[in-house]
Amino acid sequence: MIKEKRKCKKYTQEKMSQILGISLRQYVRIDNEEDLPRRDVLKNLIDELELTNEEIGEYIRKMTQNTA
């Protein structure tokens, strides 16, 4: 879902990593839904991609299930 939202905004992974102030490698893991970002990064991601509450909830549920 993150990847799709990013592509809709026509942002590259590199641009998103710069916007969020994290490494490209770290962003790629977020984009591929392999890693749940820190709270501050998640907040900025939500703001930048204009995620809805439903999308945020779905993303967090999916990510916490992946780590269980």
N, C-alpha and C. Protein backbone atom coordinates (compact mmCIF):
# COMPACT_ATOMS: atom_id res chain seq x y z
N MET A 1 0.81 -1.19 0.00
CA MET A 1 0.00 0.00 0.00
C MET A 1 0.86 1.26 0.00
N ILE A 2 1.94 1.26 0.77
CA ILE A 2 2.83 2.42 0.82
C ILE A 2 3.42 2.66 -0.56
N LYS A 3 3.87 1.60 -1.20
CA LYS A 3 4.48 1.71 -2.52
C LYS A 3 3.49 2.31 -3.53
N GLU A 4 2.25 1.85 -3.49
CA GLU A 4 1.25 2.35 -4.42
C GLU A 4 0.97 3.83 -4.20
N LYS A 5 0.86 4.22 -2.94
CA LYS A 5 0.60 5.63 -2.62
C LYS A 5 1.77 6.50 -3.09
N ARG A 6 2.99 6.00 -2.89
CA ARG A 6 4.18 6.74 -3.32
C ARG A 6 4.17 6.91 -4.84
N LYS A 7 3.86 5.83 -5.54
CA LYS A 7 3.85 5.89 -7.00
C LYS A 7 2.76 6.83 -7.52
N CYS A 8 1.64 6.89 -6.84
CA CYS A 8 0.57 7.83 -7.23
C CYS A 8 1.05 9.27 -7.16
N LYS A 9 1.93 9.54 -6.20
CA LYS A 9 2.49 10.89 -6.06
C LYS A 9 3.69 11.11 -6.98
N LYS A 10 4.07 10.05 -7.70
CA LYS A 10 5.21 10.10 -8.63
C LYS A 10 6.52 10.39 -7.90
N TYR A 11 6.66 9.86 -6.69
CA TYR A 11 7.89 9.99 -5.92
C TYR A 11 8.73 8.73 -6.12
N THR A 12 10.03 8.92 -6.24
CA THR A 12 10.94 7.77 -6.25
C THR A 12 11.21 7.35 -4.82
N GLN A 13 11.76 6.16 -4.66
CA GLN A 13 12.15 5.72 -3.32
C GLN A 13 13.21 6.65 -2.75
N GLU A 14 14.11 7.10 -3.60
CA GLU A 14 15.17 8.01 -3.15
C GLU A 14 14.58 9.32 -2.65
N LYS A 15 13.62 9.88 -3.38
CA LYS A 15 13.00 11.13 -2.96
C LYS A 15 12.28 10.95 -1.61
N MET A 16 11.57 9.83 -1.44
CA MET A 16 10.88 9.59 -0.17
C MET A 16 11.87 9.45 0.97
N SER A 17 12.98 8.78 0.73
CA SER A 17 13.97 8.63 1.80
C SER A 17 14.53 9.99 2.20
N GLN A 18 14.73 10.86 1.23
CA GLN A 18 15.21 12.22 1.52
C GLN A 18 14.16 13.02 2.29
N ILE A 19 12.91 12.93 1.87
CA ILE A 19 11.83 13.65 2.54
C ILE A 19 11.73 13.19 4.00
N LEU A 20 11.86 11.89 4.22
CA LEU A 20 11.70 11.33 5.57
C LEU A 20 12.98 11.42 6.40
N GLY A 21 14.10 11.76 5.76
CA GLY A 21 15.36 11.89 6.49
C GLY A 21 15.93 10.55 6.93
N ILE A 22 15.73 9.52 6.11
CA ILE A 22 16.25 8.19 6.43
C ILE A 22 17.05 7.69 5.23
N SER A 23 17.79 6.61 5.43
CA SER A 23 18.58 6.05 4.34
C SER A 23 17.67 5.43 3.29
N LEU A 24 18.18 5.36 2.08
CA LEU A 24 17.44 4.72 1.00
C LEU A 24 17.16 3.26 1.35
N ARG A 25 18.13 2.58 1.90
CA ARG A 25 17.96 1.17 2.28
C ARG A 25 16.82 1.01 3.28
N GLN A 26 16.78 1.90 4.27
CA GLN A 26 15.71 1.83 5.26
C GLN A 26 14.35 2.08 4.60
N TYR A 27 14.30 3.05 3.69
CA TYR A 27 13.02 3.33 3.04
C TYR A 27 12.58 2.16 2.17
N VAL A 28 13.49 1.54 1.46
CA VAL A 28 13.14 0.40 0.61
C VAL A 28 12.48 -0.70 1.45
N ARG A 29 13.00 -0.92 2.67
CA ARG A 29 12.40 -1.92 3.56
C ARG A 29 10.98 -1.51 3.96
N ILE A 30 10.74 -0.23 4.17
CA ILE A 30 9.39 0.26 4.49
C ILE A 30 8.49 0.09 3.26
N ASP A 31 8.99 0.48 2.10
CA ASP A 31 8.23 0.41 0.85
C ASP A 31 7.82 -1.03 0.52
N ASN A 32 8.70 -1.98 0.83
CA ASN A 32 8.43 -3.39 0.57
C ASN A 32 7.69 -4.06 1.74
N GLU A 33 7.29 -3.25 2.70
CA GLU A 33 6.56 -3.71 3.89
C GLU A 33 7.32 -4.81 4.63
N GLU A 34 8.62 -4.59 4.78
CA GLU A 34 9.48 -5.50 5.52
C GLU A 34 9.83 -4.93 6.89
N ASP A 35 9.55 -3.65 7.10
CA ASP A 35 9.97 -2.99 8.33
C ASP A 35 8.95 -1.91 8.70
N LEU A 36 8.57 -1.88 9.97
CA LEU A 36 7.69 -0.83 10.48
C LEU A 36 8.57 0.34 10.91
N PRO A 37 8.34 1.52 10.34
CA PRO A 37 9.20 2.67 10.67
C PRO A 37 8.99 3.16 12.11
N ARG A 38 9.99 3.89 12.58
CA ARG A 38 9.88 4.55 13.88
C ARG A 38 8.67 5.48 13.86
N ARG A 39 8.18 5.82 15.02
CA ARG A 39 6.98 6.65 15.14
C ARG A 39 7.10 7.99 14.41
N ASP A 40 8.23 8.67 14.55
CA ASP A 40 8.39 9.97 13.90
C ASP A 40 8.43 9.83 12.38
N VAL A 41 9.06 8.78 11.88
CA VAL A 41 9.11 8.54 10.44
C VAL A 41 7.72 8.17 9.94
N LEU A 42 7.00 7.35 10.70
CA LEU A 42 5.65 6.96 10.33
C LEU A 42 4.74 8.18 10.23
N LYS A 43 4.85 9.09 11.18
CA LYS A 43 4.03 10.31 11.15
C LYS A 43 4.32 11.12 9.88
N ASN A 44 5.59 11.28 9.55
CA ASN A 44 5.95 12.03 8.35
C ASN A 44 5.49 11.30 7.08
N LEU A 45 5.56 9.98 7.09
CA LEU A 45 5.09 9.17 5.96
C LEU A 45 3.59 9.36 5.77
N ILE A 46 2.85 9.33 6.86
CA ILE A 46 1.40 9.54 6.83
C ILE A 46 1.07 10.91 6.25
N ASP A 47 1.76 11.93 6.72
CA ASP A 47 1.53 13.29 6.24
C ASP A 47 1.87 13.43 4.76
N GLU A 48 3.02 12.92 4.37
CA GLU A 48 3.50 13.09 2.99
C GLU A 48 2.63 12.34 1.98
N LEU A 49 2.21 11.12 2.33
CA LEU A 49 1.42 10.32 1.40
C LEU A 49 -0.08 10.49 1.60
N GLU A 50 -0.45 11.34 2.58
CA GLU A 50 -1.85 11.64 2.86
C GLU A 50 -2.65 10.36 3.08
N LEU A 51 -2.13 9.51 3.97
CA LEU A 51 -2.80 8.24 4.28
C LEU A 51 -4.04 8.48 5.13
N THR A 52 -5.09 7.72 4.86
CA THR A 52 -6.31 7.82 5.66
C THR A 52 -6.14 7.00 6.93
N ASN A 53 -7.03 7.22 7.89
CA ASN A 53 -6.99 6.44 9.12
C ASN A 53 -7.13 4.95 8.84
N GLU A 54 -7.98 4.60 7.89
CA GLU A 54 -8.16 3.19 7.53
C GLU A 54 -6.88 2.60 6.96
N GLU A 55 -6.22 3.35 6.10
CA GLU A 55 -4.97 2.87 5.50
C GLU A 55 -3.89 2.71 6.55
N ILE A 56 -3.82 3.65 7.48
CA ILE A 56 -2.83 3.58 8.55
C ILE A 56 -3.08 2.34 9.41
N GLY A 57 -4.34 2.13 9.79
CA GLY A 57 -4.69 0.97 10.61
C GLY A 57 -4.36 -0.33 9.90
N GLU A 58 -4.70 -0.42 8.62
CA GLU A 58 -4.43 -1.63 7.83
C GLU A 58 -2.92 -1.88 7.76
N TYR A 59 -2.15 -0.83 7.50
CA TYR A 59 -0.70 -0.96 7.40
C TYR A 59 -0.08 -1.43 8.72
N ILE A 60 -0.48 -0.81 9.82
CA ILE A 60 0.08 -1.18 11.12
C ILE A 60 -0.31 -2.60 11.49
N ARG A 61 -1.56 -2.99 11.25
CA ARG A 61 -2.00 -4.37 11.52
C ARG A 61 -1.17 -5.37 10.72
N LYS A 62 -0.99 -5.08 9.45
CA LYS A 62 -0.22 -5.98 8.60
C LYS A 62 1.23 -6.09 9.07
N MET A 63 1.81 -4.97 9.41
CA MET A 63 3.21 -4.97 9.83
C MET A 63 3.39 -5.66 11.18
N THR A 64 2.47 -5.49 12.09
CA THR A 64 2.63 -6.14 13.40
C THR A 64 2.37 -7.63 13.28
N GLN A 65 1.54 -8.05 12.35
CA GLN A 65 1.31 -9.49 12.13
C GLN A 65 2.56 -10.12 11.51
N ASN A 66 3.25 -9.37 10.66
CA ASN A 66 4.47 -9.89 10.01
C ASN A 66 5.59 -10.11 11.01
N THR A 67 5.59 -9.34 12.10
CA THR A 67 6.68 -9.46 13.08
C THR A 67 6.33 -10.45 14.19
N ALA A 68 5.08 -10.91 14.23
CA ALA A 68 4.66 -11.84 15.30
C ALA A 68 5.13 -13.24 15.02
